[in-house]
PDB file of N, CA and C in Angstrom:
ATOM      1  N   UNK A   1      -4.696  21.752 -11.282  1.00  0.00           N
ATOM      2  CA  UNK A   1      -5.152  20.496 -11.853  1.00  0.00           C
ATOM      3  C   UNK A   1      -4.021  19.812 -12.617  1.00  0.00           C
ATOM      4  N   UNK A   2      -3.261  20.581 -13.359  1.00  0.00           N
ATOM      5  CA  UNK A   2      -2.163  20.007 -14.124  1.00  0.00           C
ATOM      6  C   UNK A   2      -1.067  19.468 -13.204  1.00  0.00           C
ATOM      7  N   UNK A   3      -0.878  20.112 -12.070  1.00  0.00           N
ATOM      8  CA  UNK A   3       0.141  19.667 -11.127  1.00  0.00           C
ATOM      9  C   UNK A   3      -0.171  18.262 -10.616  1.00  0.00           C
ATOM     10  N   UNK A   4      -1.447  18.001 -10.341  1.00  0.00           N
ATOM     11  CA  UNK A   4      -1.843  16.671  -9.877  1.00  0.00           C
ATOM     12  C   UNK A   4      -1.543  15.622 -10.937  1.00  0.00           C
ATOM     13  N   UNK A   5      -1.801  15.937 -12.199  1.00  0.00           N
ATOM     14  CA  UNK A   5      -1.544  14.995 -13.289  1.00  0.00           C
ATOM     15  C   UNK A   5      -0.054  14.718 -13.426  1.00  0.00           C
ATOM     16  N   UNK A   6       0.750  15.747 -13.279  1.00  0.00           N
ATOM     17  CA  UNK A   6       2.206  15.586 -13.396  1.00  0.00           C
ATOM     18  C   UNK A   6       2.733  14.716 -12.253  1.00  0.00           C
ATOM     19  N   UNK A   7       2.277  14.992 -11.040  1.00  0.00           N
ATOM     20  CA  UNK A   7       2.721  14.215  -9.882  1.00  0.00           C
ATOM     21  C   UNK A   7       2.267  12.765 -10.010  1.00  0.00           C
ATOM     22  N   UNK A   8       1.020  12.546 -10.404  1.00  0.00           N
ATOM     23  CA  UNK A   8       0.505  11.194 -10.577  1.00  0.00           C
ATOM     24  C   UNK A   8       1.280  10.453 -11.667  1.00  0.00           C
ATOM     25  N   UNK A   9       1.561  11.131 -12.765  1.00  0.00           N
ATOM     26  CA  UNK A   9       2.334  10.518 -13.850  1.00  0.00           C
ATOM     27  C   UNK A   9       3.735  10.149 -13.396  1.00  0.00           C
ATOM     28  N   UNK A  10       4.381  11.031 -12.655  1.00  0.00           N
ATOM     29  CA  UNK A  10       5.723  10.753 -12.151  1.00  0.00           C
ATOM     30  C   UNK A  10       5.695   9.576 -11.180  1.00  0.00           C
ATOM     31  N   UNK A  11       4.673   9.498 -10.361  1.00  0.00           N
ATOM     32  CA  UNK A  11       4.540   8.393  -9.413  1.00  0.00           C
ATOM     33  C   UNK A  11       4.357   7.063 -10.151  1.00  0.00           C
ATOM     34  N   UNK A  12       3.531   7.060 -11.187  1.00  0.00           N
ATOM     35  CA  UNK A  12       3.316   5.841 -11.976  1.00  0.00           C
ATOM     36  C   UNK A  12       4.611   5.405 -12.645  1.00  0.00           C
ATOM     37  N   UNK A  13       5.341   6.351 -13.224  1.00  0.00           N
ATOM     38  CA  UNK A  13       6.616   6.026 -13.868  1.00  0.00           C
ATOM     39  C   UNK A  13       7.593   5.460 -12.842  1.00  0.00           C
ATOM     40  N   UNK A  14       7.662   6.062 -11.670  1.00  0.00           N
ATOM     41  CA  UNK A  14       8.570   5.582 -10.624  1.00  0.00           C
ATOM     42  C   UNK A  14       8.215   4.166 -10.189  1.00  0.00           C
ATOM     43  N   UNK A  15       6.924   3.901  -9.990  1.00  0.00           N
ATOM     44  CA  UNK A  15       6.490   2.570  -9.561  1.00  0.00           C
ATOM     45  C   UNK A  15       6.817   1.538 -10.634  1.00  0.00           C
ATOM     46  N   UNK A  16       6.521   1.845 -11.881  1.00  0.00           N
ATOM     47  CA  UNK A  16       6.838   0.916 -12.967  1.00  0.00           C
ATOM     48  C   UNK A  16       8.336   0.678 -13.078  1.00  0.00           C
ATOM     49  N   UNK A  17       9.121   1.735 -12.959  1.00  0.00           N
ATOM     50  CA  UNK A  17      10.583   1.604 -13.019  1.00  0.00           C
ATOM     51  C   UNK A  17      11.089   0.692 -11.903  1.00  0.00           C
ATOM     52  N   UNK A  18      10.555   0.884 -10.699  1.00  0.00           N
ATOM     53  CA  UNK A  18      10.973   0.071  -9.559  1.00  0.00           C
ATOM     54  C   UNK A  18      10.584  -1.391  -9.765  1.00  0.00           C
ATOM     55  N   UNK A  19       9.379  -1.628 -10.268  1.00  0.00           N
ATOM     56  CA  UNK A  19       8.928  -3.000 -10.503  1.00  0.00           C
ATOM     57  C   UNK A  19       9.802  -3.687 -11.549  1.00  0.00           C
ATOM     58  N   UNK A  20      10.161  -2.977 -12.596  1.00  0.00           N
ATOM     59  CA  UNK A  20      10.952  -3.567 -13.673  1.00  0.00           C
ATOM     60  C   UNK A  20      12.394  -3.809 -13.237  1.00  0.00           C
ATOM     61  N   UNK A  21      12.988  -2.857 -12.523  1.00  0.00           N
ATOM     62  CA  UNK A  21      14.407  -2.978 -12.177  1.00  0.00           C
ATOM     63  C   UNK A  21      14.651  -3.807 -10.921  1.00  0.00           C
ATOM     64  N   UNK A  22      13.695  -3.831  -9.999  1.00  0.00           N
ATOM     65  CA  UNK A  22      13.880  -4.564  -8.739  1.00  0.00           C
ATOM     66  C   UNK A  22      12.597  -5.307  -8.365  1.00  0.00           C
ATOM     67  N   UNK A  23      12.261  -6.367  -9.109  1.00  0.00           N
ATOM     68  CA  UNK A  23      10.988  -7.038  -8.837  1.00  0.00           C
ATOM     69  C   UNK A  23      10.912  -7.697  -7.455  1.00  0.00           C
ATOM     70  N   UNK A  24      12.015  -8.216  -6.954  1.00  0.00           N
ATOM     71  CA  UNK A  24      11.976  -8.858  -5.632  1.00  0.00           C
ATOM     72  C   UNK A  24      11.692  -7.837  -4.541  1.00  0.00           C
ATOM     73  N   UNK A  25      12.341  -6.688  -4.626  1.00  0.00           N
ATOM     74  CA  UNK A  25      12.122  -5.639  -3.624  1.00  0.00           C
ATOM     75  C   UNK A  25      10.693  -5.099  -3.731  1.00  0.00           C
ATOM     76  N   UNK A  26      10.182  -4.986  -4.946  1.00  0.00           N
ATOM     77  CA  UNK A  26       8.815  -4.518  -5.140  1.00  0.00           C
ATOM     78  C   UNK A  26       7.819  -5.489  -4.520  1.00  0.00           C
ATOM     79  N   UNK A  27       8.081  -6.777  -4.682  1.00  0.00           N
ATOM     80  CA  UNK A  27       7.206  -7.789  -4.083  1.00  0.00           C
ATOM     81  C   UNK A  27       7.227  -7.686  -2.561  1.00  0.00           C
ATOM     82  N   UNK A  28       8.393  -7.413  -1.999  1.00  0.00           N
ATOM     83  CA  UNK A  28       8.492  -7.236  -0.547  1.00  0.00           C
ATOM     84  C   UNK A  28       7.662  -6.051  -0.084  1.00  0.00           C
ATOM     85  N   UNK A  29       7.714  -4.937  -0.842  1.00  0.00           N
ATOM     86  CA  UNK A  29       6.939  -3.752  -0.477  1.00  0.00           C
ATOM     87  C   UNK A  29       5.443  -4.042  -0.525  1.00  0.00           C
ATOM     88  N   UNK A  30       5.003  -4.775  -1.540  1.00  0.00           N
ATOM     89  CA  UNK A  30       3.586  -5.123  -1.656  1.00  0.00           C
ATOM     90  C   UNK A  30       3.176  -6.016  -0.488  1.00  0.00           C
ATOM     91  N   UNK A  31       4.022  -6.980  -0.156  1.00  0.00           N
ATOM     92  CA  UNK A  31       3.734  -7.872   0.968  1.00  0.00           C
ATOM     93  C   UNK A  31       3.629  -7.092   2.267  1.00  0.00           C
ATOM     94  N   UNK A  32       4.543  -6.160   2.480  1.00  0.00           N
ATOM     95  CA  UNK A  32       4.510  -5.328   3.688  1.00  0.00           C
ATOM     96  C   UNK A  32       3.224  -4.503   3.725  1.00  0.00           C
ATOM     97  N   UNK A  33       2.842  -3.945   2.580  1.00  0.00           N
ATOM     98  CA  UNK A  33       1.615  -3.148   2.511  1.00  0.00           C
ATOM     99  C   UNK A  33       0.379  -3.964   2.842  1.00  0.00           C
ATOM    100  N   UNK A  34       0.266  -5.155   2.240  1.00  0.00           N
ATOM    101  CA  UNK A  34      -0.893  -5.994   2.513  1.00  0.00           C
ATOM    102  C   UNK A  34      -0.893  -6.498   3.948  1.00  0.00           C
ATOM    103  N   UNK A  35       0.277  -6.765   4.497  1.00  0.00           N
ATOM    104  CA  UNK A  35       0.363  -7.196   5.894  1.00  0.00           C
ATOM    105  C   UNK A  35      -0.124  -6.083   6.820  1.00  0.00           C
ATOM    106  N   UNK A  36       0.258  -4.845   6.497  1.00  0.00           N
ATOM    107  CA  UNK A  36      -0.196  -3.710   7.293  1.00  0.00           C
ATOM    108  C   UNK A  36      -1.701  -3.534   7.233  1.00  0.00           C
ATOM    109  N   UNK A  37      -2.270  -3.687   6.045  1.00  0.00           N
ATOM    110  CA  UNK A  37      -3.722  -3.576   5.886  1.00  0.00           C
ATOM    111  C   UNK A  37      -4.416  -4.692   6.658  1.00  0.00           C
ATOM    112  N   UNK A  38      -3.868  -5.901   6.570  1.00  0.00           N
ATOM    113  CA  UNK A  38      -4.442  -7.038   7.283  1.00  0.00           C
ATOM    114  C   UNK A  38      -4.399  -6.826   8.793  1.00  0.00           C
ATOM    115  N   UNK A  39      -3.268  -6.341   9.289  1.00  0.00           N
ATOM    116  CA  UNK A  39      -3.142  -6.077  10.724  1.00  0.00           C
ATOM    117  C   UNK A  39      -4.127  -5.009  11.180  1.00  0.00           C
ATOM    118  N   UNK A  40      -4.294  -3.968  10.368  1.00  0.00           N
ATOM    119  CA  UNK A  40      -5.226  -2.898  10.716  1.00  0.00           C
ATOM    120  C   UNK A  40      -6.659  -3.422  10.753  1.00  0.00           C
ATOM    121  N   UNK A  41      -7.027  -4.227   9.762  1.00  0.00           N
ATOM    122  CA  UNK A  41      -8.382  -4.787   9.729  1.00  0.00           C
ATOM    123  C   UNK A  41      -8.617  -5.712  10.920  1.00  0.00           C
ATOM    124  N   UNK A  42      -7.618  -6.488  11.276  1.00  0.00           N
ATOM    125  CA  UNK A  42      -7.746  -7.373  12.434  1.00  0.00           C
ATOM    126  C   UNK A  42      -7.917  -6.557  13.715  1.00  0.00           C
ATOM    127  N   UNK A  43      -7.152  -5.484  13.832  1.00  0.00           N
ATOM    128  CA  UNK A  43      -7.274  -4.624  15.008  1.00  0.00           C
ATOM    129  C   UNK A  43      -8.645  -3.987  15.117  1.00  0.00           C
ATOM    130  N   UNK A  44      -9.179  -3.552  13.987  1.00  0.00           N
ATOM    131  CA  UNK A  44     -10.520  -2.950  13.985  1.00  0.00           C
ATOM    132  C   UNK A  44     -11.557  -3.995  14.365  1.00  0.00           C
ATOM    133  N   UNK A  45     -11.383  -5.208  13.839  1.00  0.00           N
ATOM    134  CA  UNK A  45     -12.310  -6.292  14.182  1.00  0.00           C
ATOM    135  C   UNK A  45     -12.290  -6.607  15.661  1.00  0.00           C
ATOM    136  N   UNK A  46     -11.105  -6.677  16.237  1.00  0.00           N
ATOM    137  CA  UNK A  46     -10.990  -6.940  17.673  1.00  0.00           C
ATOM    138  C   UNK A  46     -11.609  -5.809  18.488  1.00  0.00           C
ATOM    139  N   UNK A  47     -11.385  -4.574  18.055  1.00  0.00           N
ATOM    140  CA  UNK A  47     -11.957  -3.420  18.746  1.00  0.00           C
ATOM    141  C   UNK A  47     -13.487  -3.479  18.731  1.00  0.00           C
ATOM    142  N   UNK A  48     -14.044  -3.763  17.552  1.00  0.00           N
ATOM    143  CA  UNK A  48     -15.501  -3.824  17.431  1.00  0.00           C
ATOM    144  C   UNK A  48     -16.067  -4.973  18.272  1.00  0.00           C
ATOM    145  N   UNK A  49     -15.367  -6.094  18.299  1.00  0.00           N
ATOM    146  CA  UNK A  49     -15.820  -7.236  19.106  1.00  0.00           C
ATOM    147  C   UNK A  49     -15.856  -6.868  20.582  1.00  0.00           C
ATOM    148  N   UNK A  50     -14.824  -6.221  21.057  1.00  0.00           N
ATOM    149  CA  UNK A  50     -14.791  -5.800  22.461  1.00  0.00           C
ATOM    150  C   UNK A  50     -15.818  -4.713  22.750  1.00  0.00           C
ATOM    151  N   UNK A  51     -16.076  -3.867  21.775  1.00  0.00           N
ATOM    152  CA  UNK A  51     -17.051  -2.799  21.938  1.00  0.00           C
ATOM    153  C   UNK A  51     -18.460  -3.374  22.108  1.00  0.00           C
ATOM    154  N   UNK A  52     -18.752  -4.440  21.389  1.00  0.00           N
ATOM    155  CA  UNK A  52     -20.078  -5.062  21.449  1.00  0.00           C
ATOM    156  C   UNK A  52     -20.275  -5.794  22.776  1.00  0.00           C
ATOM    157  N   UNK A  53     -19.199  -6.337  23.327  1.00  0.00           N
ATOM    158  CA  UNK A  53     -19.325  -7.099  24.583  1.00  0.00           C
ATOM    159  C   UNK A  53     -19.632  -6.216  25.701  1.00  0.00           C
TER     160      UNK A  53
END
């Protein structure tokens, strides 16, 4: 249980450090992430539409 807390804490510190030191690169990563989620949702929607037909 403690290991999970340590890893999560280290991840939060790393993300905050990256956002503070390289905000433009962080924004690019967020954009890429949301684009990937959007593409996946669109693909699922198209799949379901074809499945219903």
